[in-house]
Amino acid sequence: MAGQKINRLELLRLRKRQELVGKGISILTSKRDALLSEFRKVVLTAVEARKAFDEKLLQGERTLSVARAFEPYDSLLSQSLAAQRRLAFNFRTEYTWGVRISTVDFPDARRGPFDRGSAPGWRSPAVDESALCFEDAINLLVKCAVAEHRLSRVGDAVRKTSRRLNALEQKVLPQIQRTIEAILSGLEEKEREESFRLKRYKTLRDRAAQENGNWIPIGT
């Protein structure tokens, strides 16, 4: 209360601020709940994407082992070099409760057996099966990366929103309420002092008037 103004104008200002803080708490609570709901959904998506990617990668390793058993090393190396390519993709931005989240428009990495640049001729079906498994793994890797990026962004937003909400609920609002209570107490004390001074003044005035012989009761 040191240096705190004790008047009704300050009281009105603080009550207005209290109302604004209350609205801010309501908005941040809604934002936090919406972000938490989004976070739970993204967690499931990220876990499923990671699990699918790991399983597809293991499957690709198994099919590659089979391909190695049927194809010479030089043949596999030649076909892998022929299958190299660049994969172009586009970024786009989405907003969830004001949180900027980047996502990716990624083309399907899978190709047909005759679209991988290999020379015509016979080759083991295990080679094409292995190539397809790893192309599926690329698709799942992108899905996993997008989900984990989204999870990170939403998680950061939840933490920041929770910190702001806690600061308003546990520090700012209680401080305003304590100040309002102190001002109300101060105003009540001033009113009591003013009432006492008024009564004292009336008593002294009536006494002086009575002593001078022209006493007129107050209130008549």
C-alpha atoms as a PDB file:
ATOM      1  CA  MET A   1       0.000   0.000   0.000  1.00  0.00           C
ATOM      2  CA  ALA A   2       3.039   2.297   0.101  1.00  0.00           C
ATOM      3  CA  GLY A   3       2.363   5.075  -2.426  1.00  0.00           C
ATOM      4  CA  GLN A   4      -1.021   3.558  -3.334  1.00  0.00           C
ATOM      5  CA  LYS A   5      -3.739   6.097  -4.075  1.00  0.00           C
ATOM      6  CA  ILE A   6      -6.817   5.656  -1.893  1.00  0.00           C
ATOM      7  CA  ASN A   7      -9.709   7.176  -3.794  1.00  0.00           C
ATOM      8  CA  ARG A   8     -12.753   6.055  -5.726  1.00  0.00           C
ATOM      9  CA  LEU A   9     -11.208   6.866  -9.108  1.00  0.00           C
ATOM     10  CA  GLU A  10      -8.360   4.454  -8.391  1.00  0.00           C
ATOM     11  CA  LEU A  11     -10.896   1.898  -7.184  1.00  0.00           C
ATOM     12  CA  LEU A  12     -12.847   2.172 -10.458  1.00  0.00           C
ATOM     13  CA  ARG A  13      -9.618   1.822 -12.447  1.00  0.00           C
ATOM     14  CA  LEU A  14      -8.626  -1.317 -10.560  1.00  0.00           C
ATOM     15  CA  ARG A  15     -12.078  -2.858 -10.911  1.00  0.00           C
ATOM     16  CA  LYS A  16     -11.914  -2.242 -14.655  1.00  0.00           C
ATOM     17  CA  ARG A  17      -8.498  -3.881 -14.745  1.00  0.00           C
ATOM     18  CA  GLN A  18      -9.834  -6.783 -12.680  1.00  0.00           C
ATOM     19  CA  GLU A  19     -12.577  -7.270 -15.255  1.00  0.00           C
ATOM     20  CA  LEU A  20     -10.068  -7.242 -18.119  1.00  0.00           C
ATOM     21  CA  VAL A  21      -7.821  -9.739 -16.333  1.00  0.00           C
ATOM     22  CA  GLY A  22     -10.842 -11.986 -15.767  1.00  0.00           C
ATOM     23  CA  LYS A  23     -11.636 -11.898 -19.490  1.00  0.00           C
ATOM     24  CA  GLY A  24      -7.997 -12.649 -20.258  1.00  0.00           C
ATOM     25  CA  ILE A  25      -8.088 -15.654 -17.931  1.00  0.00           C
ATOM     26  CA  SER A  26     -11.247 -16.920 -19.646  1.00  0.00           C
ATOM     27  CA  ILE A  27      -9.688 -16.559 -23.116  1.00  0.00           C
ATOM     28  CA  LEU A  28      -6.409 -18.190 -22.097  1.00  0.00           C
ATOM     29  CA  THR A  29      -8.281 -21.046 -20.401  1.00  0.00           C
ATOM     30  CA  SER A  30     -10.226 -21.710 -23.610  1.00  0.00           C
ATOM     31  CA  LYS A  31      -7.018 -21.502 -25.644  1.00  0.00           C
ATOM     32  CA  ARG A  32      -5.160 -23.871 -23.325  1.00  0.00           C
ATOM     33  CA  ASP A  33      -8.020 -26.407 -23.371  1.00  0.00           C
ATOM     34  CA  ALA A  34      -8.227 -26.279 -27.178  1.00  0.00           C
ATOM     35  CA  LEU A  35      -4.452 -26.678 -27.500  1.00  0.00           C
ATOM     36  CA  LEU A  36      -4.450 -29.586 -25.043  1.00  0.00           C
ATOM     37  CA  SER A  37      -7.164 -31.301 -27.091  1.00  0.00           C
ATOM     38  CA  GLU A  38      -5.087 -30.750 -30.236  1.00  0.00           C
ATOM     39  CA  PHE A  39      -1.965 -31.967 -28.416  1.00  0.00           C
ATOM     40  CA  ARG A  40      -3.639 -35.256 -27.444  1.00  0.00           C
ATOM     41  CA  LYS A  41      -4.701 -35.880 -31.047  1.00  0.00           C
ATOM     42  CA  VAL A  42      -1.246 -35.035 -32.404  1.00  0.00           C
ATOM     43  CA  VAL A  43       0.401 -37.340 -29.835  1.00  0.00           C
ATOM     44  CA  LEU A  44      -1.654 -40.274 -31.136  1.00  0.00           C
ATOM     45  CA  THR A  45      -0.846 -39.373 -34.743  1.00  0.00           C
ATOM     46  CA  ALA A  46       2.876 -39.021 -34.003  1.00  0.00           C
ATOM     47  CA  VAL A  47       3.049 -42.316 -32.085  1.00  0.00           C
ATOM     48  CA  GLU A  48       1.199 -44.212 -34.820  1.00  0.00           C
ATOM     49  CA  ALA A  49       3.348 -42.621 -37.566  1.00  0.00           C
ATOM     50  CA  ARG A  50       6.581 -43.488 -35.747  1.00  0.00           C
ATOM     51  CA  LYS A  51       5.438 -47.051 -35.143  1.00  0.00           C
ATOM     52  CA  ALA A  52       4.427 -47.506 -38.796  1.00  0.00           C
ATOM     53  CA  PHE A  53       7.737 -46.035 -39.986  1.00  0.00           C
ATOM     54  CA  ASP A  54       9.809 -48.337 -37.747  1.00  0.00           C
ATOM     55  CA  GLU A  55       7.855 -51.390 -38.890  1.00  0.00           C
ATOM     56  CA  LYS A  56       8.183 -50.461 -42.568  1.00  0.00           C
ATOM     57  CA  LEU A  57      11.914 -49.854 -42.159  1.00  0.00           C
ATOM     58  CA  LEU A  58      12.374 -53.311 -40.614  1.00  0.00           C
ATOM     59  CA  GLN A  59      10.359 -54.813 -43.434  1.00  0.00           C
ATOM     60  CA  GLY A  60      12.569 -52.986 -45.941  1.00  0.00           C
ATOM     61  CA  GLU A  61      15.709 -54.361 -44.298  1.00  0.00           C
ATOM     62  CA  ARG A  62      14.321 -57.888 -44.485  1.00  0.00           C
ATOM     63  CA  THR A  63      13.370 -57.571 -48.165  1.00  0.00           C
ATOM     64  CA  LEU A  64      16.785 -56.056 -48.918  1.00  0.00           C
ATOM     65  CA  SER A  65      18.458 -59.059 -47.303  1.00  0.00           C
ATOM     66  CA  VAL A  66      16.391 -61.332 -49.543  1.00  0.00           C
ATOM     67  CA  ALA A  67      17.297 -59.238 -52.624  1.00  0.00           C
ATOM     68  CA  ARG A  68      20.973 -59.549 -51.749  1.00  0.00           C
ATOM     69  CA  ALA A  69      20.591 -63.305 -51.690  1.00  0.00           C
ATOM     70  CA  PHE A  70      19.233 -63.317 -55.276  1.00  0.00           C
ATOM     71  CA  GLU A  71      21.087 -60.423 -56.921  1.00  0.00           C
ATOM     72  CA  PRO A  72      24.835 -59.744 -57.166  1.00  0.00           C
ATOM     73  CA  TYR A  73      26.152 -56.721 -55.308  1.00  0.00           C
ATOM     74  CA  ASP A  74      27.141 -54.904 -58.523  1.00  0.00           C
ATOM     75  CA  SER A  75      23.637 -55.377 -59.935  1.00  0.00           C
ATOM     76  CA  LEU A  76      21.968 -54.006 -56.792  1.00  0.00           C
ATOM     77  CA  LEU A  77      24.379 -51.052 -56.726  1.00  0.00           C
ATOM     78  CA  SER A  78      23.687 -50.277 -60.396  1.00  0.00           C
ATOM     79  CA  GLN A  79      19.914 -50.405 -59.888  1.00  0.00           C
ATOM     80  CA  SER A  80      20.080 -48.262 -56.757  1.00  0.00           C
ATOM     81  CA  LEU A  81      22.138 -45.603 -58.546  1.00  0.00           C
ATOM     82  CA  ALA A  82      19.713 -45.626 -61.470  1.00  0.00           C
ATOM     83  CA  ALA A  83      16.785 -45.155 -59.082  1.00  0.00           C
ATOM     84  CA  GLN A  84      18.179 -41.959 -57.514  1.00  0.00           C
ATOM     85  CA  ARG A  85      16.021 -38.839 -57.890  1.00  0.00           C
ATOM     86  CA  ARG A  86      15.120 -35.538 -56.304  1.00  0.00           C
ATOM     87  CA  LEU A  87      11.881 -35.253 -54.375  1.00  0.00           C
ATOM     88  CA  ALA A  88      10.326 -31.788 -54.400  1.00  0.00           C
ATOM     89  CA  PHE A  89       7.780 -30.734 -51.814  1.00  0.00           C
ATOM     90  CA  ASN A  90       6.038 -27.569 -50.681  1.00  0.00           C
ATOM     91  CA  PHE A  91       5.682 -26.018 -47.253  1.00  0.00           C
ATOM     92  CA  ARG A  92       2.465 -24.392 -46.159  1.00  0.00           C
ATOM     93  CA  THR A  93       1.475 -22.739 -42.912  1.00  0.00           C
ATOM     94  CA  GLU A  94      -1.533 -23.459 -40.731  1.00  0.00           C
ATOM     95  CA  TYR A  95      -2.709 -21.651 -37.608  1.00  0.00           C
ATOM     96  CA  THR A  96      -4.229 -23.287 -34.532  1.00  0.00           C
ATOM     97  CA  TRP A  97      -5.364 -20.720 -31.958  1.00  0.00           C
ATOM     98  CA  GLY A  98      -2.745 -18.329 -33.279  1.00  0.00           C
ATOM     99  CA  VAL A  99       0.027 -20.936 -33.233  1.00  0.00           C
ATOM    100  CA  ARG A 100       1.920 -21.026 -36.523  1.00  0.00           C
ATOM    101  CA  ILE A 101       2.503 -24.610 -37.650  1.00  0.00           C
ATOM    102  CA  SER A 102       4.286 -25.588 -40.860  1.00  0.00           C
ATOM    103  CA  THR A 103       3.189 -28.642 -42.771  1.00  0.00           C
ATOM    104  CA  VAL A 104       4.351 -30.289 -45.982  1.00  0.00           C
ATOM    105  CA  ASP A 105       2.670 -31.169 -49.260  1.00  0.00           C
ATOM    106  CA  PHE A 106       4.771 -34.184 -50.204  1.00  0.00           C
ATOM    107  CA  PRO A 107       4.306 -36.266 -53.370  1.00  0.00           C
ATOM    108  CA  ASP A 108       3.840 -40.019 -53.156  1.00  0.00           C
ATOM    109  CA  ALA A 109       7.334 -41.515 -53.239  1.00  0.00           C
ATOM    110  CA  ARG A 110       6.165 -44.894 -54.552  1.00  0.00           C
ATOM    111  CA  ARG A 111       6.874 -45.875 -58.170  1.00  0.00           C
ATOM    112  CA  GLY A 112       6.147 -48.765 -60.442  1.00  0.00           C
ATOM    113  CA  PRO A 113       8.758 -51.432 -61.268  1.00  0.00           C
ATOM    114  CA  PHE A 114       9.506 -49.823 -64.664  1.00  0.00           C
ATOM    115  CA  ASP A 115       9.743 -46.246 -63.348  1.00  0.00           C
ATOM    116  CA  ARG A 116      12.947 -46.594 -61.348  1.00  0.00           C
ATOM    117  CA  GLY A 117      15.396 -46.149 -64.212  1.00  0.00           C
ATOM    118  CA  SER A 118      16.741 -49.714 -64.278  1.00  0.00           C
ATOM    119  CA  ALA A 119      17.942 -51.226 -67.529  1.00  0.00           C
ATOM    120  CA  PRO A 120      15.531 -53.652 -69.231  1.00  0.00           C
ATOM    121  CA  GLY A 121      16.040 -57.274 -68.360  1.00  0.00           C
ATOM    122  CA  TRP A 122      15.251 -59.832 -65.725  1.00  0.00           C
ATOM    123  CA  ARG A 123      15.764 -59.122 -62.057  1.00  0.00           C
ATOM    124  CA  SER A 124      14.527 -60.726 -58.888  1.00  0.00           C
ATOM    125  CA  PRO A 125      11.076 -59.587 -57.694  1.00  0.00           C
ATOM    126  CA  ALA A 126      12.707 -59.160 -54.273  1.00  0.00           C
ATOM    127  CA  VAL A 127      14.519 -56.075 -55.648  1.00  0.00           C
ATOM    128  CA  ASP A 128      11.271 -54.344 -56.574  1.00  0.00           C
ATOM    129  CA  GLU A 129       9.678 -55.411 -53.292  1.00  0.00           C
ATOM    130  CA  SER A 130      12.590 -53.958 -51.339  1.00  0.00           C
ATOM    131  CA  ALA A 131      12.501 -50.705 -53.342  1.00  0.00           C
ATOM    132  CA  LEU A 132       8.763 -50.371 -52.734  1.00  0.00           C
ATOM    133  CA  CYS A 133       9.209 -50.935 -48.987  1.00  0.00           C
ATOM    134  CA  PHE A 134      11.765 -48.147 -48.740  1.00  0.00           C
ATOM    135  CA  GLU A 135       9.604 -45.817 -50.828  1.00  0.00           C
ATOM    136  CA  ASP A 136       6.747 -46.509 -48.407  1.00  0.00           C
ATOM    137  CA  ALA A 137       9.184 -45.770 -45.596  1.00  0.00           C
ATOM    138  CA  ILE A 138       9.946 -42.355 -47.153  1.00  0.00           C
ATOM    139  CA  ASN A 139       6.228 -41.505 -47.158  1.00  0.00           C
ATOM    140  CA  LEU A 140       5.908 -42.569 -43.531  1.00  0.00           C
ATOM    141  CA  LEU A 141       9.056 -40.669 -42.579  1.00  0.00           C
ATOM    142  CA  VAL A 142       7.570 -37.439 -43.923  1.00  0.00           C
ATOM    143  CA  LYS A 143       4.296 -38.098 -42.111  1.00  0.00           C
ATOM    144  CA  CYS A 144       6.230 -38.783 -38.913  1.00  0.00           C
ATOM    145  CA  ALA A 145       8.321 -35.606 -39.269  1.00  0.00           C
ATOM    146  CA  VAL A 146       5.242 -33.444 -39.854  1.00  0.00           C
ATOM    147  CA  ALA A 147       3.429 -34.970 -36.862  1.00  0.00           C
ATOM    148  CA  GLU A 148       6.420 -34.556 -34.541  1.00  0.00           C
ATOM    149  CA  HIS A 149       6.958 -30.959 -35.680  1.00  0.00           C
ATOM    150  CA  ARG A 150       3.300 -30.213 -35.014  1.00  0.00           C
ATOM    151  CA  LEU A 151       3.581 -31.930 -31.632  1.00  0.00           C
ATOM    152  CA  SER A 152       6.575 -29.763 -30.718  1.00  0.00           C
ATOM    153  CA  ARG A 153       4.871 -26.514 -31.767  1.00  0.00           C
ATOM    154  CA  VAL A 154       1.597 -27.288 -30.000  1.00  0.00           C
ATOM    155  CA  GLY A 155       3.463 -28.467 -26.895  1.00  0.00           C
ATOM    156  CA  ASP A 156       5.430 -25.188 -26.747  1.00  0.00           C
ATOM    157  CA  ALA A 157       2.193 -23.229 -27.151  1.00  0.00           C
ATOM    158  CA  VAL A 158       0.568 -25.187 -24.304  1.00  0.00           C
ATOM    159  CA  ARG A 159       3.518 -24.431 -22.002  1.00  0.00           C
ATOM    160  CA  LYS A 160       3.538 -20.708 -22.849  1.00  0.00           C
ATOM    161  CA  THR A 161      -0.228 -20.397 -22.474  1.00  0.00           C
ATOM    162  CA  SER A 162      -0.157 -22.256 -19.156  1.00  0.00           C
ATOM    163  CA  ARG A 163       2.600 -19.963 -17.825  1.00  0.00           C
ATOM    164  CA  ARG A 164       0.637 -16.844 -18.792  1.00  0.00           C
ATOM    165  CA  LEU A 165      -2.555 -18.256 -17.321  1.00  0.00           C
ATOM    166  CA  ASN A 166      -0.823 -19.171 -14.058  1.00  0.00           C
ATOM    167  CA  ALA A 167       0.724 -15.704 -13.842  1.00  0.00           C
ATOM    168  CA  LEU A 168      -2.687 -14.058 -14.219  1.00  0.00           C
ATOM    169  CA  GLU A 169      -4.471 -16.445 -11.845  1.00  0.00           C
ATOM    170  CA  GLN A 170      -1.808 -16.692  -9.143  1.00  0.00           C
ATOM    171  CA  LYS A 171      -0.078 -13.312  -9.227  1.00  0.00           C
ATOM    172  CA  VAL A 172      -1.797 -10.518 -11.162  1.00  0.00           C
ATOM    173  CA  LEU A 173      -5.430 -11.141 -10.177  1.00  0.00           C
ATOM    174  CA  PRO A 174      -4.745 -11.799  -6.433  1.00  0.00           C
ATOM    175  CA  GLN A 175      -2.590  -8.658  -6.306  1.00  0.00           C
ATOM    176  CA  ILE A 176      -5.382  -6.570  -7.824  1.00  0.00           C
ATOM    177  CA  GLN A 177      -7.903  -8.082  -5.420  1.00  0.00           C
ATOM    178  CA  ARG A 178      -5.675  -7.342  -2.424  1.00  0.00           C
ATOM    179  CA  THR A 179      -5.201  -3.753  -3.591  1.00  0.00           C
ATOM    180  CA  ILE A 180      -8.959  -3.309  -4.066  1.00  0.00           C
ATOM    181  CA  GLU A 181      -9.598  -4.671  -0.578  1.00  0.00           C
ATOM    182  CA  ALA A 182      -6.965  -2.315   0.854  1.00  0.00           C
ATOM    183  CA  ILE A 183      -8.502   0.675  -0.935  1.00  0.00           C
ATOM    184  CA  LEU A 184     -11.990  -0.277   0.261  1.00  0.00           C
ATOM    185  CA  SER A 185     -10.659  -0.571   3.792  1.00  0.00           C
ATOM    186  CA  GLY A 186      -8.949   2.802   3.452  1.00  0.00           C
ATOM    187  CA  LEU A 187     -12.107   4.436   2.107  1.00  0.00           C
ATOM    188  CA  GLU A 188     -14.162   2.999   4.957  1.00  0.00           C
ATOM    189  CA  GLU A 189     -11.605   4.353   7.423  1.00  0.00           C
ATOM    190  CA  LYS A 190     -11.787   7.770   5.769  1.00  0.00           C
ATOM    191  CA  GLU A 191     -15.596   7.697   5.964  1.00  0.00           C
ATOM    192  CA  ARG A 192     -15.460   6.839   9.656  1.00  0.00           C
ATOM    193  CA  GLU A 193     -12.980   9.637  10.276  1.00  0.00           C
ATOM    194  CA  GLU A 194     -15.117  12.080   8.291  1.00  0.00           C
ATOM    195  CA  SER A 195     -18.234  11.031  10.186  1.00  0.00           C
ATOM    196  CA  PHE A 196     -16.417  11.453  13.490  1.00  0.00           C
ATOM    197  CA  ARG A 197     -15.126  14.904  12.486  1.00  0.00           C
ATOM    198  CA  LEU A 198     -18.632  15.963  11.387  1.00  0.00           C
ATOM    199  CA  LYS A 199     -20.180  14.818  14.649  1.00  0.00           C
ATOM    200  CA  ARG A 200     -17.406  16.530  16.586  1.00  0.00           C
ATOM    201  CA  TYR A 201     -17.938  19.732  14.629  1.00  0.00           C
ATOM    202  CA  LYS A 202     -21.697  19.694  15.265  1.00  0.00           C
ATOM    203  CA  THR A 203     -21.148  19.083  18.960  1.00  0.00           C
ATOM    204  CA  LEU A 204     -18.711  21.977  19.273  1.00  0.00           C
ATOM    205  CA  ARG A 205     -20.925  24.291  17.245  1.00  0.00           C
ATOM    206  CA  ASP A 206     -24.000  23.469  19.311  1.00  0.00           C
ATOM    207  CA  ARG A 207     -22.011  23.976  22.507  1.00  0.00           C
ATOM    208  CA  ALA A 208     -20.726  27.361  21.342  1.00  0.00           C
ATOM    209  CA  ALA A 209     -24.189  28.451  20.272  1.00  0.00           C
ATOM    210  CA  GLN A 210     -25.666  27.406  23.616  1.00  0.00           C
ATOM    211  CA  GLU A 211     -22.992  29.313  25.518  1.00  0.00           C
ATOM    212  CA  ASN A 212     -23.714  32.446  23.475  1.00  0.00           C
ATOM    213  CA  GLY A 213     -27.426  32.207  24.319  1.00  0.00           C
ATOM    214  CA  ASN A 214     -28.702  31.773  20.823  1.00  0.00           C
ATOM    215  CA  TRP A 215     -28.625  28.007  20.672  1.00  0.00           C
ATOM    216  CA  ILE A 216     -30.657  26.493  17.904  1.00  0.00           C
ATOM    217  CA  PRO A 217     -30.767  22.703  17.842  1.00  0.00           C
ATOM    218  CA  ILE A 218     -29.289  21.268  14.712  1.00  0.00           C
ATOM    219  CA  GLY A 219     -31.871  19.740  12.423  1.00  0.00           C
ATOM    220  CA  THR A 220     -34.785  22.030  13.374  1.00  0.00           C
END
